[in-house]
């Protein structure tokens, strides 16, 4: 059975550049930093960078939780991402958006006032 999101992997052929960009996006330094993989601990989950994979917008589409979707979306664009899906209110106070990171990957965000961190296991 699935227990919940643990890790979202992002292809990063230019690992050094991707690591620097995601340090700015997450606000944390990687806890695991090797030439074959870089892992960031983000709110109890892992954002992983894999150098030997091909970037793209298709495939898995994790949504990373944020407190303010509009502010984070604007910040991602300032950091060099490009808009894929603008911030959209999908109902009940939930807002989603997506950008293409500078490496060609889809990065989705969600502002969900119903998310309960104590449910994470």
Protein backbone atom coordinates (compact mmCIF):
# COMPACT_ATOMS: atom_id res chain seq x y z
CA UNK A 1 0.00 0.00 0.00
CA UNK A 2 1.08 3.55 -0.62
CA UNK A 3 1.94 5.46 2.54
CA UNK A 4 2.21 8.95 1.06
CA UNK A 5 4.63 11.10 -0.89
CA UNK A 6 8.24 10.52 0.12
CA UNK A 7 10.37 11.72 -2.79
CA UNK A 8 9.90 13.59 -6.05
CA UNK A 9 12.75 13.08 -8.53
CA UNK A 10 13.76 15.73 -11.03
CA UNK A 11 16.21 15.08 -13.89
CA UNK A 12 19.18 17.44 -13.66
CA UNK A 13 21.85 16.89 -16.34
CA UNK A 14 23.64 20.05 -15.09
CA UNK A 15 23.65 18.94 -11.46
CA UNK A 16 25.62 21.89 -10.07
CA UNK A 17 23.31 24.45 -11.68
CA UNK A 18 20.18 22.56 -10.64
CA UNK A 19 21.46 22.21 -7.08
CA UNK A 20 22.07 25.96 -6.81
CA UNK A 21 18.62 26.75 -8.27
CA UNK A 22 16.77 24.35 -5.99
CA UNK A 23 18.68 25.66 -2.96
CA UNK A 24 17.10 29.04 -3.74
CA UNK A 25 13.66 27.52 -4.35
CA UNK A 26 13.60 25.36 -1.21
CA UNK A 27 15.59 27.65 1.07
CA UNK A 28 17.65 24.69 2.30
CA UNK A 29 20.96 23.10 1.42
CA UNK A 30 20.93 19.47 0.32
CA UNK A 31 21.28 16.88 3.07
CA UNK A 32 22.65 14.36 0.55
CA UNK A 33 25.08 15.67 -2.07
CA UNK A 34 26.87 13.22 -4.34
CA UNK A 35 27.78 13.29 -8.06
CA UNK A 36 25.04 10.70 -8.73
CA UNK A 37 22.23 12.27 -6.65
CA UNK A 38 21.38 15.40 -4.65
CA UNK A 39 18.59 15.24 -2.07
CA UNK A 40 16.82 18.10 -0.30
CA UNK A 41 14.68 17.53 2.81
CA UNK A 42 11.63 19.75 2.28
CA UNK A 43 8.89 19.67 4.90
CA UNK A 44 9.32 16.00 5.68
CA UNK A 45 9.63 14.99 2.03
CA UNK A 46 12.50 14.72 -0.41
CA UNK A 47 13.17 16.60 -3.60
CA UNK A 48 15.81 14.63 -5.47
CA UNK A 49 18.00 15.66 -8.40
CA UNK A 50 19.18 12.91 -10.76
CA UNK A 51 21.94 13.80 -13.26
CA UNK A 52 21.53 10.84 -15.64
CA UNK A 53 17.89 11.41 -16.60
CA UNK A 54 16.17 13.50 -19.26
CA UNK A 55 14.13 16.53 -18.20
CA UNK A 56 10.54 16.82 -19.33
CA UNK A 57 7.05 17.98 -18.40
CA UNK A 58 5.32 14.62 -18.76
CA UNK A 59 5.35 11.84 -16.23
CA UNK A 60 4.73 12.18 -12.53
CA UNK A 61 3.41 15.57 -11.43
CA UNK A 62 3.93 16.05 -7.72
CA UNK A 63 2.54 19.21 -6.17
CA UNK A 64 4.70 20.84 -3.52
CA UNK A 65 2.84 22.55 -0.71
CA UNK A 66 3.20 26.30 -0.28
CA UNK A 67 1.62 28.84 2.08
CA UNK A 68 0.93 31.46 -0.62
CA UNK A 69 0.66 30.15 -4.19
CA UNK A 70 0.71 33.59 -5.82
CA UNK A 71 3.84 34.74 -4.00
CA UNK A 72 5.72 31.48 -4.59
CA UNK A 73 4.69 31.39 -8.26
CA UNK A 74 6.04 34.93 -8.72
CA UNK A 75 9.28 33.99 -6.95
CA UNK A 76 9.75 30.91 -9.16
CA UNK A 77 9.39 33.10 -12.24
CA UNK A 78 11.93 35.57 -10.78
CA UNK A 79 14.35 32.66 -10.34
CA UNK A 80 14.14 31.76 -14.03
CA UNK A 81 11.23 29.34 -14.26
CA UNK A 82 8.62 29.78 -17.00
CA UNK A 83 4.87 29.59 -16.60
CA UNK A 84 3.09 26.37 -17.53
CA UNK A 85 -0.15 26.83 -15.58
CA UNK A 86 -1.05 30.09 -13.83
CA UNK A 87 -2.25 30.13 -10.24
CA UNK A 88 -5.79 28.77 -10.37
CA UNK A 89 -8.33 28.55 -7.56
CA UNK A 90 -9.79 25.06 -7.94
CA UNK A 91 -12.31 25.48 -5.14
CA UNK A 92 -12.55 25.33 -1.36
CA UNK A 93 -9.55 27.65 -0.99
CA UNK A 94 -7.17 25.36 -2.89
CA UNK A 95 -4.86 27.02 -5.43
CA UNK A 96 -2.55 25.21 -7.85
CA UNK A 97 0.04 26.30 -10.42
CA UNK A 98 2.95 24.89 -12.37
CA UNK A 99 6.17 26.16 -13.91
CA UNK A 100 8.92 24.71 -16.05
CA UNK A 101 12.15 24.85 -14.11
CA UNK A 102 15.27 26.11 -15.94
CA UNK A 103 16.11 22.49 -16.75
CA UNK A 104 12.86 21.61 -18.54
CA UNK A 105 10.99 19.86 -15.71
CA UNK A 106 7.45 20.55 -14.54
CA UNK A 107 7.34 21.87 -10.95
CA UNK A 108 3.84 22.00 -9.48
CA UNK A 109 2.76 23.87 -6.34
CA UNK A 110 -0.38 23.73 -4.22
CA UNK A 111 -1.80 25.97 -1.51
CA UNK A 112 -4.18 23.72 0.36
CA UNK A 113 -5.70 25.01 3.60
CA UNK A 114 -7.11 21.51 4.25
CA UNK A 115 -3.67 19.81 4.35
CA UNK A 116 -2.98 18.45 7.83
CA UNK A 117 0.73 17.95 8.46
CA UNK A 118 -0.02 15.63 11.37
CA UNK A 119 -1.40 13.14 8.83
CA UNK A 120 2.07 12.75 7.26
CA UNK A 121 3.66 9.43 8.11
